[in-house]
Amino acid sequence: AVPESAGISYSRVSYYTILGLYVMSFPGLWSQIKRSTTAKIKRKTFVSPGENAQDGKSLREQAGEIMAYMKANNYEVVESGETIKFQGLVKRSVSQAFFLVFCTALGMASLALVLQIQFQNLTLPLGLNWFWLVALSPYAGIYYWKSGDRVDDFELKLSANDEETENEIAIQGNDDELERMWRTLGWVEKGMVKVEGLLES
């Protein structure tokens, strides 16, 4: 039966619609925990001013800048050729482990609330209630921590147009690191237009 409390009745359609949406979205919590142990790989192409452009760089200078950035972020060259391959070790993060525990605790608490409403007349053994599910949340952090440090791979290819006014950087790697890299090195994603921020001079 649809739960009733203090004389207030609930719409059966609304209640089960919300319950259905919740059940469908709950697996996203497990997906988030799983994704925390693996890199989200993306392939993107960026451009920067070439040797014959104002304040531009030659391919050699561009490669040196990238090498310095990668080395500063604990990546090493493992293969050098037309495509340069980097490899780096991403260490486990205590803050990430605590964040996963926090998110899992919220998810379990909301699940417990749904179960308590749905099964009001069900008595659990040993006098327990559904909110004991929150006690499972530390296992999310343990799962992440036991996965250990992660090895990230990057592949990068440099080229220039015929006039050498634009360098093209094709790169494949961890999406989070790609985001930091292009912002730090001042690149623009190919096909996009850079818009100066209000606080930029």
Protein backbone atom coordinates (compact mmCIF):
# COMPACT_ATOMS: atom_id res chain seq x y z
CA ALA A 1 0.00 0.00 0.00
CA VAL A 2 1.08 3.58 -0.56
CA PRO A 3 2.45 5.05 2.70
CA GLU A 4 0.18 7.32 4.73
CA SER A 5 1.18 9.43 7.71
CA ALA A 6 -0.77 11.77 10.00
CA GLY A 7 -3.78 11.62 7.71
CA ILE A 8 -1.81 12.75 4.65
CA SER A 9 -2.11 10.46 1.66
CA TYR A 10 0.37 10.28 -1.20
CA SER A 11 -0.35 10.03 -4.91
CA ARG A 12 0.39 6.45 -5.94
CA VAL A 13 1.56 7.54 -9.40
CA SER A 14 3.85 10.29 -8.08
CA TYR A 15 5.28 8.10 -5.33
CA TYR A 16 6.17 5.18 -7.58
CA THR A 17 7.43 7.45 -10.34
CA ILE A 18 9.90 9.07 -7.92
CA LEU A 19 10.79 5.66 -6.49
CA GLY A 20 11.45 4.31 -10.00
CA LEU A 21 13.66 7.27 -10.91
CA TYR A 22 15.62 6.81 -7.69
CA VAL A 23 16.17 3.10 -8.35
CA MET A 24 17.42 3.85 -11.87
CA SER A 25 19.83 6.55 -10.67
CA PHE A 26 21.26 4.61 -7.71
CA PRO A 27 23.68 2.53 -9.87
CA GLY A 28 25.41 5.82 -10.67
CA LEU A 29 26.92 5.71 -7.18
CA TRP A 30 28.65 2.41 -7.91
CA SER A 31 29.73 3.76 -11.30
CA GLN A 32 31.36 6.76 -9.60
CA ILE A 33 33.28 4.48 -7.24
CA LYS A 34 34.47 2.32 -10.15
CA ARG A 35 35.52 5.33 -12.25
CA SER A 36 37.65 6.68 -9.40
CA THR A 37 40.16 3.87 -9.97
CA THR A 38 40.53 4.35 -13.74
CA ALA A 39 41.46 7.26 -15.99
CA LYS A 40 38.85 8.77 -18.29
CA ILE A 41 40.67 8.73 -21.63
CA LYS A 42 39.96 11.45 -24.18
CA ARG A 43 41.58 12.36 -27.49
CA LYS A 44 41.64 16.06 -28.38
CA THR A 45 43.47 18.35 -30.77
CA PHE A 46 44.70 21.79 -29.73
CA VAL A 47 46.34 24.65 -31.59
CA SER A 48 48.84 27.36 -30.61
CA PRO A 49 50.66 30.15 -32.49
CA GLY A 50 53.40 28.76 -34.75
CA GLU A 51 56.94 30.00 -35.43
CA ASN A 52 55.88 32.64 -37.99
CA ALA A 53 53.01 33.98 -35.87
CA GLN A 54 53.29 36.80 -33.35
CA ASP A 55 54.58 35.45 -30.01
CA GLY A 56 54.58 32.00 -31.58
CA LYS A 57 56.83 29.01 -30.98
CA SER A 58 58.65 26.62 -33.28
CA LEU A 59 57.81 22.94 -33.04
CA ARG A 60 61.09 22.40 -31.17
CA GLU A 61 60.20 25.08 -28.63
CA GLN A 62 56.66 23.72 -28.32
CA ALA A 63 58.00 20.21 -27.72
CA GLY A 64 60.41 21.53 -25.07
CA GLU A 65 57.58 23.33 -23.27
CA ILE A 66 55.47 20.17 -23.26
CA MET A 67 58.40 18.06 -22.06
CA ALA A 68 59.00 20.47 -19.17
CA TYR A 69 55.31 20.43 -18.21
CA MET A 70 55.09 16.64 -18.25
CA LYS A 71 58.30 16.23 -16.26
CA ALA A 72 57.06 18.73 -13.66
CA ASN A 73 53.94 16.56 -13.29
CA ASN A 74 55.94 13.32 -12.83
CA TYR A 75 55.54 11.97 -16.36
CA GLU A 76 58.46 10.39 -18.21
CA VAL A 77 59.02 9.78 -21.92
CA VAL A 78 58.71 6.06 -22.67
CA GLU A 79 58.75 6.27 -26.48
CA SER A 80 59.97 9.04 -28.77
CA GLY A 81 59.24 9.29 -32.47
CA GLU A 82 56.53 10.79 -34.65
CA THR A 83 54.26 10.18 -31.66
CA ILE A 84 55.69 10.85 -28.21
CA LYS A 85 54.46 8.60 -25.42
CA PHE A 86 54.55 9.61 -21.75
CA GLN A 87 53.84 7.56 -18.67
CA GLY A 88 53.21 8.78 -15.14
CA LEU A 89 52.20 7.44 -11.77
CA VAL A 90 49.06 8.91 -10.20
CA LYS A 91 49.20 8.30 -6.47
CA ARG A 92 46.19 7.50 -4.32
CA SER A 93 44.51 10.51 -2.76
CA VAL A 94 43.28 10.57 0.84
CA SER A 95 40.87 13.39 -0.02
CA GLN A 96 39.43 11.33 -2.90
CA ALA A 97 38.93 8.35 -0.57
CA PHE A 98 37.09 10.52 1.98
CA PHE A 99 34.99 12.09 -0.79
CA LEU A 100 33.86 8.64 -1.97
CA VAL A 101 32.98 7.64 1.60
CA PHE A 102 30.95 10.86 1.99
CA CYS A 103 29.06 10.36 -1.30
CA THR A 104 28.38 6.71 -0.47
CA ALA A 105 27.10 7.66 3.00
CA LEU A 106 24.64 10.14 1.45
CA GLY A 107 23.54 7.55 -1.11
CA MET A 108 23.02 4.87 1.52
CA ALA A 109 21.14 7.26 3.81
CA SER A 110 18.76 8.19 1.00
CA LEU A 111 18.34 4.52 0.10
CA ALA A 112 17.58 3.74 3.75
CA LEU A 113 14.94 6.48 3.80
CA VAL A 114 13.27 5.05 0.68
CA LEU A 115 13.30 1.53 2.12
CA GLN A 116 11.94 2.73 5.45
CA ILE A 117 9.02 4.45 3.73
CA GLN A 118 8.39 1.53 1.40
CA PHE A 119 8.55 -1.16 4.09
CA GLN A 120 7.11 0.58 7.15
CA ASN A 121 5.66 -2.59 8.62
CA LEU A 122 8.75 -4.74 8.12
CA THR A 123 10.70 -5.49 11.30
CA LEU A 124 14.41 -6.16 10.78
CA PRO A 125 16.22 -8.70 12.99
CA LEU A 126 18.24 -7.64 16.06
CA GLY A 127 16.32 -4.39 16.29
CA LEU A 128 18.21 -2.90 13.35
CA ASN A 129 16.82 -0.31 10.96
CA TRP A 130 17.58 0.51 7.33
CA PHE A 131 19.92 3.38 8.26
CA TRP A 132 22.54 0.83 9.26
CA LEU A 133 23.25 0.71 5.52
CA VAL A 134 25.28 3.91 6.04
CA ALA A 135 27.82 1.76 7.90
CA LEU A 136 28.77 0.27 4.52
CA SER A 137 30.06 3.61 3.19
CA PRO A 138 33.71 3.20 4.40
CA TYR A 139 34.03 0.23 2.05
CA ALA A 140 33.93 2.66 -0.89
CA GLY A 141 37.11 4.31 0.41
CA ILE A 142 38.68 0.91 1.12
CA TYR A 143 37.89 -0.26 -2.44
CA TYR A 144 39.49 2.87 -3.89
CA TRP A 145 42.56 2.62 -1.63
CA LYS A 146 43.15 -1.07 -2.33
CA SER A 147 43.18 -0.36 -6.06
CA GLY A 148 46.54 1.30 -5.46
CA ASP A 149 48.39 3.90 -7.49
CA ARG A 150 47.36 4.29 -11.12
CA VAL A 151 49.61 4.42 -14.19
CA ASP A 152 48.52 7.03 -16.73
CA ASP A 153 49.62 7.00 -20.39
CA PHE A 154 49.74 9.97 -22.74
CA GLU A 155 50.29 10.00 -26.50
CA LEU A 156 51.14 13.27 -28.25
CA LYS A 157 51.83 14.28 -31.83
CA LEU A 158 53.02 17.71 -32.98
CA SER A 159 52.65 19.25 -36.44
CA ALA A 160 52.54 22.69 -38.07
CA ASN A 161 50.66 24.13 -41.03
CA ASP A 162 52.48 24.95 -44.28
CA GLU A 163 52.91 28.61 -43.36
CA GLU A 164 54.16 27.64 -39.87
CA THR A 165 51.75 30.11 -38.31
CA GLU A 166 49.94 27.48 -36.27
CA ASN A 167 51.08 24.44 -34.34
CA GLU A 168 48.72 21.51 -33.90
CA ILE A 169 48.95 19.28 -30.84
CA ALA A 170 47.03 15.99 -31.04
CA ILE A 171 46.98 14.37 -27.62
CA GLN A 172 45.34 11.40 -25.96
CA GLY A 173 45.24 10.92 -22.21
CA ASN A 174 43.47 11.44 -18.91
CA ASP A 175 40.69 13.99 -19.41
CA ASP A 176 41.42 15.80 -16.11
CA GLU A 177 45.10 16.18 -17.00
CA LEU A 178 44.23 17.36 -20.51
CA GLU A 179 42.07 20.08 -18.99
CA ARG A 180 44.89 21.27 -16.74
CA MET A 181 47.45 21.09 -19.53
CA TRP A 182 45.70 23.23 -22.12
CA ARG A 183 44.80 25.85 -19.54
CA THR A 184 48.36 26.00 -18.19
CA LEU A 185 50.04 26.12 -21.60
CA GLY A 186 47.53 28.52 -23.16
CA TRP A 187 46.31 26.29 -25.98
CA VAL A 188 42.96 26.47 -27.73
CA GLU A 189 40.99 23.40 -28.75
CA LYS A 190 40.92 23.09 -32.54
CA GLY A 191 37.75 24.58 -34.00
CA MET A 192 37.09 26.66 -30.88
CA VAL A 193 37.64 30.37 -30.31
CA LYS A 194 39.39 31.60 -27.17
CA VAL A 195 37.30 34.14 -25.28
CA GLU A 196 39.19 36.34 -22.86
CA GLY A 197 37.79 36.38 -19.32
CA LEU A 198 36.75 39.62 -17.63
CA LEU A 199 39.66 39.33 -15.20
CA GLU A 200 42.25 38.62 -17.89
CA SER A 201 44.43 41.50 -18.93
